[in-house]
Amino acid sequence: MSANKRGTPDILAVINGRFVAIEVKTEKGKASAIQQAQIRRIQQAGGVAFIAKSVDEVIENLAISDIALD
């Protein structure tokens, strides 16, 4: 049994006052339709949400979103 609603990204955080949601996938992994929909909903609400397959992708996406890691 999952504690989260289906499609909820794996990592949820607030970084420097911004809501961030990250769906973690392996190199070959793909997000399901419901996961993609949840990411879009978060983005439309002003949050930062994306799929990442590596730490480098997380850092890159946060930088694109103007979120600095201290």
N, C-alpha and C. Protein backbone atom coordinates (compact mmCIF):
# COMPACT_ATOMS: atom_id res chain seq x y z
N MET A 1 0.84 -1.18 0.00
CA MET A 1 0.00 0.00 0.00
C MET A 1 0.88 1.24 0.00
N SER A 2 0.55 2.19 -0.84
CA SER A 2 1.31 3.42 -0.95
C SER A 2 0.65 4.52 -0.11
N ALA A 3 1.49 5.35 0.46
CA ALA A 3 0.98 6.47 1.25
C ALA A 3 0.66 7.67 0.36
N ASN A 4 1.16 7.65 -0.87
CA ASN A 4 0.96 8.77 -1.79
C ASN A 4 -0.10 8.45 -2.82
N LYS A 5 -0.72 9.50 -3.34
CA LYS A 5 -1.67 9.37 -4.42
C LYS A 5 -0.94 8.84 -5.66
N ARG A 6 -1.60 8.01 -6.44
CA ARG A 6 -0.99 7.47 -7.65
C ARG A 6 -0.44 8.60 -8.52
N GLY A 7 0.76 8.40 -9.03
CA GLY A 7 1.36 9.38 -9.92
C GLY A 7 2.15 10.46 -9.22
N THR A 8 2.10 10.49 -7.89
CA THR A 8 2.85 11.49 -7.15
C THR A 8 4.35 11.26 -7.36
N PRO A 9 5.10 12.31 -7.71
CA PRO A 9 6.54 12.15 -7.91
C PRO A 9 7.23 11.57 -6.68
N ASP A 10 8.37 10.93 -6.92
CA ASP A 10 9.11 10.23 -5.86
C ASP A 10 9.67 11.17 -4.81
N ILE A 11 10.15 12.32 -5.21
CA ILE A 11 10.77 13.26 -4.28
C ILE A 11 9.98 14.56 -4.29
N LEU A 12 9.55 14.98 -3.11
CA LEU A 12 8.85 16.25 -2.94
C LEU A 12 9.65 17.09 -1.96
N ALA A 13 9.90 18.36 -2.31
CA ALA A 13 10.72 19.21 -1.45
C ALA A 13 10.34 20.67 -1.65
N VAL A 14 10.77 21.47 -0.70
CA VAL A 14 10.72 22.92 -0.86
C VAL A 14 12.16 23.40 -0.77
N ILE A 15 12.63 24.01 -1.86
CA ILE A 15 14.01 24.48 -1.93
C ILE A 15 13.98 25.98 -2.14
N ASN A 16 14.56 26.71 -1.21
CA ASN A 16 14.58 28.18 -1.29
C ASN A 16 13.17 28.73 -1.53
N GLY A 17 12.19 28.14 -0.88
CA GLY A 17 10.81 28.61 -0.96
C GLY A 17 10.03 28.16 -2.18
N ARG A 18 10.62 27.29 -3.01
CA ARG A 18 9.95 26.81 -4.22
C ARG A 18 9.61 25.33 -4.06
N PHE A 19 8.39 24.96 -4.45
CA PHE A 19 7.96 23.57 -4.41
C PHE A 19 8.62 22.82 -5.56
N VAL A 20 9.26 21.71 -5.25
CA VAL A 20 9.97 20.91 -6.25
C VAL A 20 9.49 19.47 -6.16
N ALA A 21 9.19 18.87 -7.31
CA ALA A 21 8.77 17.47 -7.38
C ALA A 21 9.62 16.78 -8.44
N ILE A 22 10.22 15.66 -8.07
CA ILE A 22 11.10 14.95 -8.99
C ILE A 22 10.64 13.51 -9.11
N GLU A 23 10.38 13.08 -10.33
CA GLU A 23 10.07 11.68 -10.62
C GLU A 23 11.39 11.04 -11.03
N VAL A 24 11.82 10.04 -10.28
CA VAL A 24 13.11 9.39 -10.50
C VAL A 24 12.90 8.15 -11.37
N LYS A 25 13.72 8.05 -12.41
CA LYS A 25 13.65 6.90 -13.32
C LYS A 25 15.05 6.35 -13.58
N THR A 26 15.11 5.09 -13.95
CA THR A 26 16.37 4.50 -14.40
C THR A 26 16.63 4.99 -15.83
N GLU A 27 17.78 4.68 -16.37
CA GLU A 27 18.11 5.08 -17.74
C GLU A 27 17.04 4.63 -18.73
N LYS A 28 16.49 3.45 -18.54
CA LYS A 28 15.50 2.91 -19.47
C LYS A 28 14.06 3.17 -19.03
N GLY A 29 13.89 3.73 -17.83
CA GLY A 29 12.55 3.94 -17.29
C GLY A 29 11.79 5.05 -17.99
N LYS A 30 10.47 4.92 -18.01
CA LYS A 30 9.60 5.93 -18.60
C LYS A 30 8.49 6.26 -17.62
N ALA A 31 8.10 7.51 -17.61
CA ALA A 31 7.00 7.94 -16.74
C ALA A 31 5.68 7.47 -17.34
N SER A 32 4.79 7.05 -16.46
CA SER A 32 3.46 6.65 -16.91
C SER A 32 2.65 7.89 -17.27
N ALA A 33 1.53 7.67 -17.91
CA ALA A 33 0.65 8.78 -18.28
C ALA A 33 0.20 9.56 -17.04
N ILE A 34 -0.12 8.86 -15.97
CA ILE A 34 -0.58 9.55 -14.76
C ILE A 34 0.57 10.33 -14.11
N GLN A 35 1.79 9.81 -14.17
CA GLN A 35 2.94 10.54 -13.65
C GLN A 35 3.19 11.81 -14.46
N GLN A 36 3.10 11.71 -15.77
CA GLN A 36 3.27 12.88 -16.63
C GLN A 36 2.18 13.92 -16.35
N ALA A 37 0.96 13.46 -16.14
CA ALA A 37 -0.14 14.38 -15.83
C ALA A 37 0.09 15.10 -14.51
N GLN A 38 0.58 14.38 -13.51
CA GLN A 38 0.85 15.00 -12.20
C GLN A 38 1.95 16.05 -12.34
N ILE A 39 2.98 15.75 -13.12
CA ILE A 39 4.06 16.72 -13.33
C ILE A 39 3.50 17.98 -13.99
N ARG A 40 2.66 17.82 -14.99
CA ARG A 40 2.04 18.98 -15.66
C ARG A 40 1.20 19.80 -14.67
N ARG A 41 0.44 19.12 -13.82
CA ARG A 41 -0.39 19.83 -12.83
C ARG A 41 0.47 20.67 -11.89
N ILE A 42 1.56 20.10 -11.45
CA ILE A 42 2.46 20.82 -10.54
C ILE A 42 3.05 22.03 -11.25
N GLN A 43 3.49 21.85 -12.49
CA GLN A 43 4.05 22.95 -13.26
C GLN A 43 3.02 24.05 -13.48
N GLN A 44 1.80 23.67 -13.81
CA GLN A 44 0.73 24.65 -14.05
C GLN A 44 0.39 25.44 -12.79
N ALA A 45 0.62 24.83 -11.63
CA ALA A 45 0.35 25.50 -10.36
C ALA A 45 1.54 26.35 -9.90
N GLY A 46 2.60 26.38 -10.71
CA GLY A 46 3.75 27.21 -10.37
C GLY A 46 4.90 26.48 -9.71
N GLY A 47 4.75 25.17 -9.53
CA GLY A 47 5.83 24.39 -8.94
C GLY A 47 6.84 23.96 -10.00
N VAL A 48 7.94 23.44 -9.53
CA VAL A 48 8.98 22.90 -10.41
C VAL A 48 8.83 21.39 -10.36
N ALA A 49 8.65 20.77 -11.51
CA ALA A 49 8.47 19.32 -11.55
C ALA A 49 9.12 18.78 -12.82
N PHE A 50 9.81 17.65 -12.67
CA PHE A 50 10.48 17.06 -13.81
C PHE A 50 10.84 15.61 -13.54
N ILE A 51 11.26 14.93 -14.61
CA ILE A 51 11.72 13.55 -14.53
C ILE A 51 13.24 13.59 -14.60
N ALA A 52 13.91 12.83 -13.75
CA ALA A 52 15.36 12.79 -13.75
C ALA A 52 15.86 11.35 -13.72
N LYS A 53 16.88 11.11 -14.52
CA LYS A 53 17.50 9.78 -14.57
C LYS A 53 18.90 9.77 -13.98
N SER A 54 19.34 10.94 -13.48
CA SER A 54 20.66 11.03 -12.86
C SER A 54 20.72 12.26 -11.97
N VAL A 55 21.71 12.30 -11.12
CA VAL A 55 21.92 13.47 -10.26
C VAL A 55 22.23 14.68 -11.13
N ASP A 56 22.99 14.47 -12.20
CA ASP A 56 23.30 15.58 -13.10
C ASP A 56 22.04 16.19 -13.69
N GLU A 57 21.06 15.37 -14.04
CA GLU A 57 19.79 15.89 -14.57
C GLU A 57 19.04 16.68 -13.51
N VAL A 58 19.11 16.26 -12.26
CA VAL A 58 18.46 17.02 -11.18
C VAL A 58 19.11 18.40 -11.08
N ILE A 59 20.43 18.42 -11.03
CA ILE A 59 21.16 19.69 -10.91
C ILE A 59 20.85 20.60 -12.10
N GLU A 60 20.84 20.04 -13.30
CA GLU A 60 20.55 20.81 -14.51
C GLU A 60 19.15 21.40 -14.48
N ASN A 61 18.16 20.58 -14.12
CA ASN A 61 16.78 21.06 -14.08
C ASN A 61 16.57 22.12 -13.01
N LEU A 62 17.22 21.97 -11.87
CA LEU A 62 17.11 22.99 -10.82
C LEU A 62 17.74 24.29 -11.29
N ALA A 63 18.88 24.21 -11.97
CA ALA A 63 19.54 25.41 -12.48
C ALA A 63 18.67 26.11 -13.51
N ILE A 64 18.05 25.34 -14.40
CA ILE A 64 17.15 25.91 -15.41
C ILE A 64 16.00 26.64 -14.73
N SER A 65 15.56 26.12 -13.60
CA SER A 65 14.44 26.70 -12.85
C SER A 65 14.90 27.80 -11.89
N ASP A 66 16.18 28.16 -12.00
CA ASP A 66 16.78 29.22 -11.18
C ASP A 66 16.72 28.89 -9.68
N ILE A 67 16.98 27.63 -9.38
CA ILE A 67 17.05 27.19 -7.99
C ILE A 67 18.50 26.80 -7.70
N ALA A 68 19.12 27.55 -6.81
CA ALA A 68 20.52 27.29 -6.46
C ALA A 68 20.59 26.33 -5.28
N LEU A 69 21.49 25.38 -5.38
CA LEU A 69 21.74 24.48 -4.26
C LEU A 69 22.92 25.02 -3.48
N ASP A 70 22.71 25.29 -2.21
CA ASP A 70 23.78 25.85 -1.38
C ASP A 70 24.59 24.75 -0.74
